[in-house]
Amino acid sequence: MADLTLRGQCKRAVDLLCADRASEAVAVCRRILETFPKHIGTYSVLAQAYLALGEPEKAENLLQRVLSTDPEHV
């Protein structure tokens, strides 16, 4: 059974990203953000996915959002 918790879905997005399935990771992140629009960790994963997809402009905008909220976010 799929883990539908916030933590479980974030882990799924990271796992997809690590498996070179960035477009699927984007979809998972988008679904998370529909419910939790302020979840910084999801924006970070989404930015990494956009970088993997060759969309640095989208990634930069998201990373600026993350860093403006949490300047020490790794």
N, C-alpha and C. Protein backbone atom coordinates (compact mmCIF):
# COMPACT_ATOMS: atom_id res chain seq x y z
N MET A 1 0.84 -1.18 0.00
CA MET A 1 0.00 0.00 0.00
C MET A 1 0.89 1.25 0.00
N ALA A 2 0.51 2.22 -0.75
CA ALA A 2 1.30 3.44 -0.87
C ALA A 2 1.22 4.26 0.41
N ASP A 3 2.34 4.87 0.75
CA ASP A 3 2.40 5.75 1.92
C ASP A 3 1.91 7.13 1.48
N LEU A 4 0.74 7.52 1.95
CA LEU A 4 0.15 8.78 1.53
C LEU A 4 0.41 9.93 2.49
N THR A 5 1.29 9.72 3.48
CA THR A 5 1.65 10.80 4.39
C THR A 5 2.51 11.81 3.65
N LEU A 6 2.60 13.00 4.20
CA LEU A 6 3.45 14.03 3.60
C LEU A 6 4.88 13.52 3.49
N ARG A 7 5.38 12.94 4.58
CA ARG A 7 6.75 12.42 4.58
C ARG A 7 6.92 11.32 3.53
N GLY A 8 5.95 10.44 3.43
CA GLY A 8 6.02 9.35 2.47
C GLY A 8 6.00 9.84 1.03
N GLN A 9 5.17 10.84 0.75
CA GLN A 9 5.11 11.38 -0.60
C GLN A 9 6.38 12.15 -0.97
N CYS A 10 6.94 12.86 0.01
CA CYS A 10 8.22 13.55 -0.24
C CYS A 10 9.32 12.54 -0.55
N LYS A 11 9.33 11.46 0.22
CA LYS A 11 10.32 10.41 -0.02
C LYS A 11 10.12 9.81 -1.41
N ARG A 12 8.87 9.61 -1.79
CA ARG A 12 8.59 9.07 -3.13
C ARG A 12 9.13 10.00 -4.21
N ALA A 13 8.93 11.30 -4.05
CA ALA A 13 9.45 12.25 -5.04
C ALA A 13 10.97 12.19 -5.12
N VAL A 14 11.63 12.11 -3.97
CA VAL A 14 13.09 12.02 -3.95
C VAL A 14 13.54 10.71 -4.60
N ASP A 15 12.87 9.62 -4.28
CA ASP A 15 13.22 8.33 -4.87
C ASP A 15 13.07 8.35 -6.39
N LEU A 16 11.99 8.96 -6.87
CA LEU A 16 11.79 9.08 -8.32
C LEU A 16 12.90 9.91 -8.95
N LEU A 17 13.26 10.99 -8.29
CA LEU A 17 14.33 11.84 -8.80
C LEU A 17 15.64 11.07 -8.88
N CYS A 18 15.94 10.30 -7.85
CA CYS A 18 17.17 9.50 -7.83
C CYS A 18 17.16 8.40 -8.88
N ALA A 19 15.97 7.98 -9.29
CA ALA A 19 15.84 6.94 -10.30
C ALA A 19 15.75 7.52 -11.71
N ASP A 20 16.14 8.78 -11.87
CA ASP A 20 16.09 9.46 -13.17
C ASP A 20 14.68 9.51 -13.75
N ARG A 21 13.71 9.71 -12.88
CA ARG A 21 12.31 9.84 -13.30
C ARG A 21 11.81 11.21 -12.83
N ALA A 22 12.51 12.24 -13.30
CA ALA A 22 12.26 13.61 -12.84
C ALA A 22 10.86 14.10 -13.16
N SER A 23 10.33 13.75 -14.31
CA SER A 23 8.99 14.23 -14.66
C SER A 23 7.95 13.65 -13.71
N GLU A 24 8.14 12.41 -13.28
CA GLU A 24 7.22 11.82 -12.31
C GLU A 24 7.39 12.48 -10.94
N ALA A 25 8.62 12.84 -10.60
CA ALA A 25 8.88 13.54 -9.33
C ALA A 25 8.18 14.90 -9.33
N VAL A 26 8.19 15.58 -10.46
CA VAL A 26 7.50 16.87 -10.58
C VAL A 26 6.00 16.67 -10.31
N ALA A 27 5.43 15.63 -10.87
CA ALA A 27 3.99 15.37 -10.68
C ALA A 27 3.68 15.13 -9.20
N VAL A 28 4.51 14.36 -8.53
CA VAL A 28 4.29 14.08 -7.11
C VAL A 28 4.41 15.38 -6.31
N CYS A 29 5.43 16.17 -6.61
CA CYS A 29 5.61 17.44 -5.90
C CYS A 29 4.42 18.37 -6.11
N ARG A 30 3.92 18.43 -7.31
CA ARG A 30 2.76 19.28 -7.61
C ARG A 30 1.55 18.84 -6.80
N ARG A 31 1.35 17.53 -6.69
CA ARG A 31 0.23 17.03 -5.89
C ARG A 31 0.40 17.39 -4.41
N ILE A 32 1.63 17.28 -3.91
CA ILE A 32 1.89 17.65 -2.52
C ILE A 32 1.57 19.11 -2.30
N LEU A 33 2.02 19.97 -3.21
CA LEU A 33 1.85 21.41 -3.04
C LEU A 33 0.39 21.86 -3.17
N GLU A 34 -0.45 21.05 -3.79
CA GLU A 34 -1.88 21.37 -3.83
C GLU A 34 -2.47 21.34 -2.42
N THR A 35 -1.97 20.43 -1.60
CA THR A 35 -2.47 20.28 -0.23
C THR A 35 -1.65 21.06 0.78
N PHE A 36 -0.33 21.11 0.56
CA PHE A 36 0.59 21.78 1.49
C PHE A 36 1.39 22.84 0.73
N PRO A 37 0.77 23.97 0.38
CA PRO A 37 1.43 24.96 -0.48
C PRO A 37 2.63 25.67 0.16
N LYS A 38 2.86 25.48 1.44
CA LYS A 38 3.98 26.15 2.09
C LYS A 38 5.09 25.17 2.49
N HIS A 39 5.05 23.95 2.00
CA HIS A 39 6.05 22.94 2.38
C HIS A 39 7.35 23.17 1.62
N ILE A 40 8.31 23.74 2.33
CA ILE A 40 9.59 24.15 1.71
C ILE A 40 10.36 22.97 1.14
N GLY A 41 10.34 21.85 1.83
CA GLY A 41 11.07 20.67 1.35
C GLY A 41 10.61 20.23 -0.03
N THR A 42 9.33 20.33 -0.26
CA THR A 42 8.79 19.95 -1.57
C THR A 42 9.27 20.90 -2.66
N TYR A 43 9.32 22.19 -2.35
CA TYR A 43 9.83 23.14 -3.34
C TYR A 43 11.29 22.84 -3.69
N SER A 44 12.06 22.42 -2.70
CA SER A 44 13.45 22.08 -2.93
C SER A 44 13.58 20.87 -3.87
N VAL A 45 12.79 19.84 -3.61
CA VAL A 45 12.81 18.65 -4.47
C VAL A 45 12.32 19.01 -5.87
N LEU A 46 11.29 19.83 -5.94
CA LEU A 46 10.77 20.25 -7.24
C LEU A 46 11.83 21.02 -8.03
N ALA A 47 12.58 21.86 -7.37
CA ALA A 47 13.66 22.59 -8.04
C ALA A 47 14.71 21.62 -8.58
N GLN A 48 15.06 20.63 -7.80
CA GLN A 48 16.04 19.64 -8.26
C GLN A 48 15.51 18.87 -9.47
N ALA A 49 14.22 18.58 -9.45
CA ALA A 49 13.62 17.87 -10.58
C ALA A 49 13.66 18.73 -11.84
N TYR A 50 13.37 20.02 -11.69
CA TYR A 50 13.44 20.91 -12.86
C TYR A 50 14.86 21.02 -13.38
N LEU A 51 15.84 21.03 -12.50
CA LEU A 51 17.23 21.03 -12.95
C LEU A 51 17.54 19.77 -13.76
N ALA A 52 17.07 18.64 -13.27
CA ALA A 52 17.28 17.38 -13.97
C ALA A 52 16.59 17.36 -15.33
N LEU A 53 15.50 18.10 -15.45
CA LEU A 53 14.77 18.16 -16.72
C LEU A 53 15.33 19.24 -17.66
N GLY A 54 16.37 19.95 -17.21
CA GLY A 54 16.96 20.98 -18.06
C GLY A 54 16.17 22.27 -18.08
N GLU A 55 15.51 22.59 -16.98
CA GLU A 55 14.73 23.82 -16.87
C GLU A 55 15.27 24.68 -15.73
N PRO A 56 16.46 25.26 -15.92
CA PRO A 56 17.10 26.00 -14.82
C PRO A 56 16.35 27.25 -14.37
N GLU A 57 15.58 27.87 -15.25
CA GLU A 57 14.85 29.08 -14.85
C GLU A 57 13.79 28.75 -13.80
N LYS A 58 13.05 27.67 -14.04
CA LYS A 58 12.05 27.25 -13.07
C LYS A 58 12.71 26.86 -11.75
N ALA A 59 13.82 26.15 -11.85
CA ALA A 59 14.54 25.72 -10.65
C ALA A 59 15.04 26.92 -9.87
N GLU A 60 15.57 27.92 -10.55
CA GLU A 60 16.08 29.10 -9.87
C GLU A 60 14.97 29.83 -9.10
N ASN A 61 13.83 29.99 -9.72
CA ASN A 61 12.71 30.65 -9.05
C ASN A 61 12.30 29.91 -7.79
N LEU A 62 12.24 28.59 -7.88
CA LEU A 62 11.86 27.80 -6.72
C LEU A 62 12.92 27.87 -5.62
N LEU A 63 14.19 27.80 -6.01
CA LEU A 63 15.26 27.87 -5.01
C LEU A 63 15.31 29.24 -4.34
N GLN A 64 14.99 30.29 -5.07
CA GLN A 64 14.92 31.61 -4.44
C GLN A 64 13.80 31.64 -3.40
N ARG A 65 12.70 31.00 -3.70
CA ARG A 65 11.58 30.92 -2.75
C ARG A 65 12.02 30.15 -1.49
N VAL A 66 12.69 29.04 -1.70
CA VAL A 66 13.16 28.23 -0.57
C VAL A 66 14.12 29.03 0.30
N LEU A 67 15.11 29.66 -0.33
CA LEU A 67 16.13 30.38 0.43
C LEU A 67 15.60 31.66 1.06
N SER A 68 14.58 32.26 0.49
CA SER A 68 14.01 33.45 1.13
C SER A 68 13.25 33.07 2.39
N THR A 69 12.73 31.86 2.42
CA THR A 69 12.03 31.36 3.60
C THR A 69 12.99 30.82 4.64
N ASP A 70 14.00 30.07 4.17
CA ASP A 70 14.97 29.45 5.06
C ASP A 70 16.36 29.60 4.45
N PRO A 71 17.08 30.68 4.80
CA PRO A 71 18.39 30.96 4.20
C PRO A 71 19.44 29.87 4.43
N GLU A 72 19.21 29.00 5.40
CA GLU A 72 20.19 27.96 5.68
C GLU A 72 19.76 26.60 5.14
N HIS A 73 18.74 26.59 4.30
CA HIS A 73 18.25 25.33 3.74
C HIS A 73 19.32 24.70 2.85
N VAL A 74 19.63 23.47 3.13
CA VAL A 74 20.65 22.78 2.35
C VAL A 74 19.96 22.16 1.19
